[in-house]
């Protein structure tokens, strides 16, 4: 059964065969693998979820690099179904805060239920998100359920939600590397997934 908009979607038999790019991964000895894994764990173990954000400026190039790193994530059929949007304008950040707080208030008051609210009490958090105004940058992450090809046809993005989630995990790791190596303040700049 065809739908009238089926012609808008790419027939995968129309795709050209893509050239295979040979890849030879780096080889490490067992000692090097152990050392590298211990160093990476130590670095990631310093990561914390914080809601106290420093207004300290961060070079835009650093933000660009952590987003490029997140873009190396694996994705279903290599569709890379994510869009990262960096926001630095104070008015736009405040509008985003208003939207998020409105939704979070609904979460706290009706959508999520009493058990969820009780579970969060120990974290002393609520729907007020001042840090969204304070952070020098917000990184908004959007998933794409399909892409638009140059021909104008739509291409399905398989496993888009899990692919975007993986890219957010890599984004967090890249932010941790940036945080530990470049700056000493206790800050976290991202709001990954709020708008997914």
C-alpha atoms as a PDB file:
ATOM      1  CA  UNK A   1       0.000   0.000   0.000  1.00  0.00           C
ATOM      2  CA  UNK A   2       1.481   3.355  -1.069  1.00  0.00           C
ATOM      3  CA  UNK A   3       0.720   6.727   0.407  1.00  0.00           C
ATOM      4  CA  UNK A   4       0.467   9.820  -1.736  1.00  0.00           C
ATOM      5  CA  UNK A   5       3.675  11.252  -0.263  1.00  0.00           C
ATOM      6  CA  UNK A   6       5.724   8.052  -0.827  1.00  0.00           C
ATOM      7  CA  UNK A   7       7.406   9.723  -3.799  1.00  0.00           C
ATOM      8  CA  UNK A   8       8.934  12.191  -1.340  1.00  0.00           C
ATOM      9  CA  UNK A   9      11.019   9.412   0.240  1.00  0.00           C
ATOM     10  CA  UNK A  10      14.246   8.003  -1.144  1.00  0.00           C
ATOM     11  CA  UNK A  11      14.031   4.535  -2.625  1.00  0.00           C
ATOM     12  CA  UNK A  12      17.264   3.030  -1.296  1.00  0.00           C
ATOM     13  CA  UNK A  13      17.809   1.250  -4.608  1.00  0.00           C
ATOM     14  CA  UNK A  14      18.343   4.740  -6.075  1.00  0.00           C
ATOM     15  CA  UNK A  15      21.396   5.327  -3.889  1.00  0.00           C
ATOM     16  CA  UNK A  16      24.801   5.095  -5.445  1.00  0.00           C
ATOM     17  CA  UNK A  17      27.297   2.671  -3.998  1.00  0.00           C
ATOM     18  CA  UNK A  18      29.505   4.667  -1.696  1.00  0.00           C
ATOM     19  CA  UNK A  19      33.238   4.146  -1.890  1.00  0.00           C
ATOM     20  CA  UNK A  20      34.659   2.180   1.018  1.00  0.00           C
ATOM     21  CA  UNK A  21      37.266   4.134   2.941  1.00  0.00           C
ATOM     22  CA  UNK A  22      39.860   1.770   4.396  1.00  0.00           C
ATOM     23  CA  UNK A  23      40.446   2.179   8.118  1.00  0.00           C
ATOM     24  CA  UNK A  24      43.308   0.800  10.145  1.00  0.00           C
ATOM     25  CA  UNK A  25      42.833   1.399  13.865  1.00  0.00           C
ATOM     26  CA  UNK A  26      45.796   2.201  16.084  1.00  0.00           C
ATOM     27  CA  UNK A  27      47.313  -0.839  17.758  1.00  0.00           C
ATOM     28  CA  UNK A  28      48.282  -0.733  21.439  1.00  0.00           C
ATOM     29  CA  UNK A  29      50.041  -3.207  23.673  1.00  0.00           C
ATOM     30  CA  UNK A  30      48.144  -4.673  26.626  1.00  0.00           C
ATOM     31  CA  UNK A  31      50.097  -2.345  28.933  1.00  0.00           C
ATOM     32  CA  UNK A  32      49.224   0.719  26.840  1.00  0.00           C
ATOM     33  CA  UNK A  33      45.547  -0.305  26.679  1.00  0.00           C
ATOM     34  CA  UNK A  34      45.420  -0.674  30.453  1.00  0.00           C
ATOM     35  CA  UNK A  35      47.169   2.659  31.014  1.00  0.00           C
ATOM     36  CA  UNK A  36      44.932   4.490  28.537  1.00  0.00           C
ATOM     37  CA  UNK A  37      41.766   2.952  30.010  1.00  0.00           C
ATOM     38  CA  UNK A  38      42.820   3.897  33.560  1.00  0.00           C
ATOM     39  CA  UNK A  39      43.598   7.489  32.536  1.00  0.00           C
ATOM     40  CA  UNK A  40      40.288   7.829  30.718  1.00  0.00           C
ATOM     41  CA  UNK A  41      38.357   6.387  33.663  1.00  0.00           C
ATOM     42  CA  UNK A  42      40.135   8.763  36.073  1.00  0.00           C
ATOM     43  CA  UNK A  43      39.223  11.698  33.868  1.00  0.00           C
ATOM     44  CA  UNK A  44      35.583  10.660  33.461  1.00  0.00           C
ATOM     45  CA  UNK A  45      35.261   9.883  37.171  1.00  0.00           C
ATOM     46  CA  UNK A  46      35.842  13.596  37.852  1.00  0.00           C
ATOM     47  CA  UNK A  47      32.660  14.460  35.925  1.00  0.00           C
ATOM     48  CA  UNK A  48      29.721  15.699  37.956  1.00  0.00           C
ATOM     49  CA  UNK A  49      26.248  16.928  37.113  1.00  0.00           C
ATOM     50  CA  UNK A  50      26.126  20.421  38.549  1.00  0.00           C
ATOM     51  CA  UNK A  51      23.564  23.176  38.532  1.00  0.00           C
ATOM     52  CA  UNK A  52      25.925  25.935  39.628  1.00  0.00           C
ATOM     53  CA  UNK A  53      27.381  27.382  36.474  1.00  0.00           C
ATOM     54  CA  UNK A  54      30.199  29.879  36.147  1.00  0.00           C
ATOM     55  CA  UNK A  55      29.760  32.817  33.761  1.00  0.00           C
ATOM     56  CA  UNK A  56      33.484  32.475  32.958  1.00  0.00           C
ATOM     57  CA  UNK A  57      33.997  32.867  29.211  1.00  0.00           C
ATOM     58  CA  UNK A  58      35.098  29.856  27.211  1.00  0.00           C
ATOM     59  CA  UNK A  59      36.686  30.244  23.769  1.00  0.00           C
ATOM     60  CA  UNK A  60      34.109  29.522  21.054  1.00  0.00           C
ATOM     61  CA  UNK A  61      36.683  27.284  19.351  1.00  0.00           C
ATOM     62  CA  UNK A  62      36.581  24.974  22.378  1.00  0.00           C
ATOM     63  CA  UNK A  63      32.802  24.660  22.042  1.00  0.00           C
ATOM     64  CA  UNK A  64      33.200  24.017  18.307  1.00  0.00           C
ATOM     65  CA  UNK A  65      35.721  21.249  19.031  1.00  0.00           C
ATOM     66  CA  UNK A  66      33.545  19.466  21.599  1.00  0.00           C
ATOM     67  CA  UNK A  67      30.660  19.523  19.109  1.00  0.00           C
ATOM     68  CA  UNK A  68      32.933  18.168  16.373  1.00  0.00           C
ATOM     69  CA  UNK A  69      33.913  15.412  18.807  1.00  0.00           C
ATOM     70  CA  UNK A  70      30.251  14.607  19.521  1.00  0.00           C
ATOM     71  CA  UNK A  71      29.737  14.365  15.762  1.00  0.00           C
ATOM     72  CA  UNK A  72      32.097  11.377  15.645  1.00  0.00           C
ATOM     73  CA  UNK A  73      29.429   9.240  17.348  1.00  0.00           C
ATOM     74  CA  UNK A  74      28.201   6.128  15.569  1.00  0.00           C
ATOM     75  CA  UNK A  75      24.731   6.343  14.070  1.00  0.00           C
ATOM     76  CA  UNK A  76      22.251   4.011  12.394  1.00  0.00           C
ATOM     77  CA  UNK A  77      23.189   3.652   8.706  1.00  0.00           C
ATOM     78  CA  UNK A  78      25.692   6.490   9.305  1.00  0.00           C
ATOM     79  CA  UNK A  79      22.878   9.042   9.071  1.00  0.00           C
ATOM     80  CA  UNK A  80      24.244  11.322  11.832  1.00  0.00           C
ATOM     81  CA  UNK A  81      20.714  12.348  12.878  1.00  0.00           C
ATOM     82  CA  UNK A  82      21.662  15.250  15.139  1.00  0.00           C
ATOM     83  CA  UNK A  83      21.805  18.995  15.020  1.00  0.00           C
ATOM     84  CA  UNK A  84      23.799  20.919  17.613  1.00  0.00           C
ATOM     85  CA  UNK A  85      22.837  24.556  18.102  1.00  0.00           C
ATOM     86  CA  UNK A  86      25.075  26.847  20.162  1.00  0.00           C
ATOM     87  CA  UNK A  87      23.320  29.768  21.825  1.00  0.00           C
ATOM     88  CA  UNK A  88      25.209  32.684  23.380  1.00  0.00           C
ATOM     89  CA  UNK A  89      22.716  35.543  22.993  1.00  0.00           C
ATOM     90  CA  UNK A  90      21.373  36.482  26.455  1.00  0.00           C
ATOM     91  CA  UNK A  91      17.823  37.143  25.230  1.00  0.00           C
ATOM     92  CA  UNK A  92      17.633  33.827  23.390  1.00  0.00           C
ATOM     93  CA  UNK A  93      19.083  31.962  26.383  1.00  0.00           C
ATOM     94  CA  UNK A  94      16.459  33.578  28.606  1.00  0.00           C
ATOM     95  CA  UNK A  95      13.640  32.603  26.238  1.00  0.00           C
ATOM     96  CA  UNK A  96      14.953  29.022  26.252  1.00  0.00           C
ATOM     97  CA  UNK A  97      15.001  29.140  30.049  1.00  0.00           C
ATOM     98  CA  UNK A  98      11.352  30.273  30.094  1.00  0.00           C
ATOM     99  CA  UNK A  99      10.319  27.425  27.781  1.00  0.00           C
ATOM    100  CA  UNK A 100      12.224  24.815  29.798  1.00  0.00           C
ATOM    101  CA  UNK A 101      10.947  26.111  33.136  1.00  0.00           C
ATOM    102  CA  UNK A 102       7.368  26.069  31.886  1.00  0.00           C
ATOM    103  CA  UNK A 103       7.714  22.404  30.866  1.00  0.00           C
ATOM    104  CA  UNK A 104       9.634  21.482  34.014  1.00  0.00           C
ATOM    105  CA  UNK A 105       6.966  23.057  36.225  1.00  0.00           C
ATOM    106  CA  UNK A 106       4.398  20.818  34.527  1.00  0.00           C
ATOM    107  CA  UNK A 107       6.740  17.862  35.173  1.00  0.00           C
ATOM    108  CA  UNK A 108       6.986  18.688  38.865  1.00  0.00           C
ATOM    109  CA  UNK A 109       3.325  19.538  39.402  1.00  0.00           C
ATOM    110  CA  UNK A 110       1.480  16.968  37.298  1.00  0.00           C
ATOM    111  CA  UNK A 111       3.221  15.054  34.526  1.00  0.00           C
ATOM    112  CA  UNK A 112       5.782  12.988  36.456  1.00  0.00           C
ATOM    113  CA  UNK A 113       3.945  12.126  39.675  1.00  0.00           C
ATOM    114  CA  UNK A 114       4.676  12.345  43.396  1.00  0.00           C
ATOM    115  CA  UNK A 115       7.294   9.580  43.491  1.00  0.00           C
ATOM    116  CA  UNK A 116       9.435  11.351  40.900  1.00  0.00           C
ATOM    117  CA  UNK A 117       9.181  14.640  42.835  1.00  0.00           C
ATOM    118  CA  UNK A 118      10.105  12.858  46.090  1.00  0.00           C
ATOM    119  CA  UNK A 119      13.059  11.117  44.446  1.00  0.00           C
ATOM    120  CA  UNK A 120      14.399  14.494  43.284  1.00  0.00           C
ATOM    121  CA  UNK A 121      14.015  16.213  46.679  1.00  0.00           C
ATOM    122  CA  UNK A 122      17.361  14.887  47.899  1.00  0.00           C
ATOM    123  CA  UNK A 123      19.017  16.626  44.932  1.00  0.00           C
ATOM    124  CA  UNK A 124      17.458  19.961  45.985  1.00  0.00           C
ATOM    125  CA  UNK A 125      16.388  20.678  42.449  1.00  0.00           C
ATOM    126  CA  UNK A 126      13.202  22.138  41.052  1.00  0.00           C
ATOM    127  CA  UNK A 127      11.865  23.610  37.839  1.00  0.00           C
ATOM    128  CA  UNK A 128      13.779  26.909  38.224  1.00  0.00           C
ATOM    129  CA  UNK A 129      16.862  26.775  35.972  1.00  0.00           C
ATOM    130  CA  UNK A 130      18.863  29.985  36.602  1.00  0.00           C
ATOM    131  CA  UNK A 131      21.996  28.411  35.164  1.00  0.00           C
ATOM    132  CA  UNK A 132      20.492  28.632  31.677  1.00  0.00           C
ATOM    133  CA  UNK A 133      20.924  32.422  31.879  1.00  0.00           C
ATOM    134  CA  UNK A 134      24.381  32.212  33.484  1.00  0.00           C
ATOM    135  CA  UNK A 135      26.231  29.770  31.208  1.00  0.00           C
ATOM    136  CA  UNK A 136      28.180  31.538  28.459  1.00  0.00           C
ATOM    137  CA  UNK A 137      26.843  28.998  25.960  1.00  0.00           C
ATOM    138  CA  UNK A 138      23.950  26.585  25.766  1.00  0.00           C
ATOM    139  CA  UNK A 139      24.333  23.613  23.465  1.00  0.00           C
ATOM    140  CA  UNK A 140      20.919  22.492  22.276  1.00  0.00           C
ATOM    141  CA  UNK A 141      20.729  19.040  20.752  1.00  0.00           C
ATOM    142  CA  UNK A 142      17.983  18.095  18.315  1.00  0.00           C
ATOM    143  CA  UNK A 143      17.297  14.699  16.769  1.00  0.00           C
ATOM    144  CA  UNK A 144      16.363  14.382  13.109  1.00  0.00           C
ATOM    145  CA  UNK A 145      13.897  11.618  12.288  1.00  0.00           C
ATOM    146  CA  UNK A 146      14.728  12.024   8.600  1.00  0.00           C
ATOM    147  CA  UNK A 147      17.085  14.017   6.399  1.00  0.00           C
ATOM    148  CA  UNK A 148      16.539  15.945   3.186  1.00  0.00           C
ATOM    149  CA  UNK A 149      18.824  15.009   0.301  1.00  0.00           C
ATOM    150  CA  UNK A 150      20.013  17.504  -2.337  1.00  0.00           C
ATOM    151  CA  UNK A 151      17.361  15.998  -4.629  1.00  0.00           C
ATOM    152  CA  UNK A 152      14.702  17.092  -2.126  1.00  0.00           C
ATOM    153  CA  UNK A 153      13.799  13.510  -1.200  1.00  0.00           C
ATOM    154  CA  UNK A 154      13.570  12.404   2.412  1.00  0.00           C
ATOM    155  CA  UNK A 155      15.921   9.781   3.814  1.00  0.00           C
ATOM    156  CA  UNK A 156      15.011   7.819   6.942  1.00  0.00           C
ATOM    157  CA  UNK A 157      17.328   8.236   9.920  1.00  0.00           C
ATOM    158  CA  UNK A 158      17.358   4.841  11.592  1.00  0.00           C
ATOM    159  CA  UNK A 159      17.863   4.573  15.359  1.00  0.00           C
ATOM    160  CA  UNK A 160      17.831   8.364  15.563  1.00  0.00           C
ATOM    161  CA  UNK A 161      17.090   8.610  19.286  1.00  0.00           C
ATOM    162  CA  UNK A 162      19.798   6.199  20.420  1.00  0.00           C
ATOM    163  CA  UNK A 163      22.283   7.709  17.954  1.00  0.00           C
ATOM    164  CA  UNK A 164      21.647  11.200  19.352  1.00  0.00           C
ATOM    165  CA  UNK A 165      21.926   9.866  22.902  1.00  0.00           C
ATOM    166  CA  UNK A 166      25.328   8.356  22.110  1.00  0.00           C
ATOM    167  CA  UNK A 167      26.494  11.653  20.600  1.00  0.00           C
ATOM    168  CA  UNK A 168      25.395  13.418  23.809  1.00  0.00           C
ATOM    169  CA  UNK A 169      27.487  10.981  25.848  1.00  0.00           C
ATOM    170  CA  UNK A 170      30.504  11.756  23.699  1.00  0.00           C
ATOM    171  CA  UNK A 171      29.707  15.472  24.055  1.00  0.00           C
ATOM    172  CA  UNK A 172      29.798  15.079  27.850  1.00  0.00           C
ATOM    173  CA  UNK A 173      33.148  13.275  27.643  1.00  0.00           C
ATOM    174  CA  UNK A 174      34.582  16.016  25.406  1.00  0.00           C
ATOM    175  CA  UNK A 175      33.321  18.700  27.793  1.00  0.00           C
ATOM    176  CA  UNK A 176      35.000  16.849  30.664  1.00  0.00           C
ATOM    177  CA  UNK A 177      38.312  16.772  28.790  1.00  0.00           C
ATOM    178  CA  UNK A 178      37.939  20.485  28.076  1.00  0.00           C
ATOM    179  CA  UNK A 179      37.023  21.188  31.681  1.00  0.00           C
ATOM    180  CA  UNK A 180      39.900  19.286  33.254  1.00  0.00           C
ATOM    181  CA  UNK A 181      42.619  20.317  30.861  1.00  0.00           C
ATOM    182  CA  UNK A 182      41.742  23.920  30.060  1.00  0.00           C
ATOM    183  CA  UNK A 183      39.859  25.456  32.998  1.00  0.00           C
ATOM    184  CA  UNK A 184      39.941  24.948  36.731  1.00  0.00           C
ATOM    185  CA  UNK A 185      36.494  26.333  37.565  1.00  0.00           C
ATOM    186  CA  UNK A 186      33.713  23.893  38.430  1.00  0.00           C
ATOM    187  CA  UNK A 187      31.465  24.457  35.435  1.00  0.00           C
ATOM    188  CA  UNK A 188      29.476  22.445  32.968  1.00  0.00           C
ATOM    189  CA  UNK A 189      28.263  24.248  29.855  1.00  0.00           C
ATOM    190  CA  UNK A 190      25.755  22.003  28.256  1.00  0.00           C
ATOM    191  CA  UNK A 191      22.096  21.286  28.485  1.00  0.00           C
ATOM    192  CA  UNK A 192      22.207  18.166  26.399  1.00  0.00           C
ATOM    193  CA  UNK A 193      18.918  16.542  25.633  1.00  0.00           C
ATOM    194  CA  UNK A 194      16.545  19.117  27.086  1.00  0.00           C
ATOM    195  CA  UNK A 195      14.991  19.665  23.721  1.00  0.00           C
ATOM    196  CA  UNK A 196      15.387  16.177  22.262  1.00  0.00           C
END
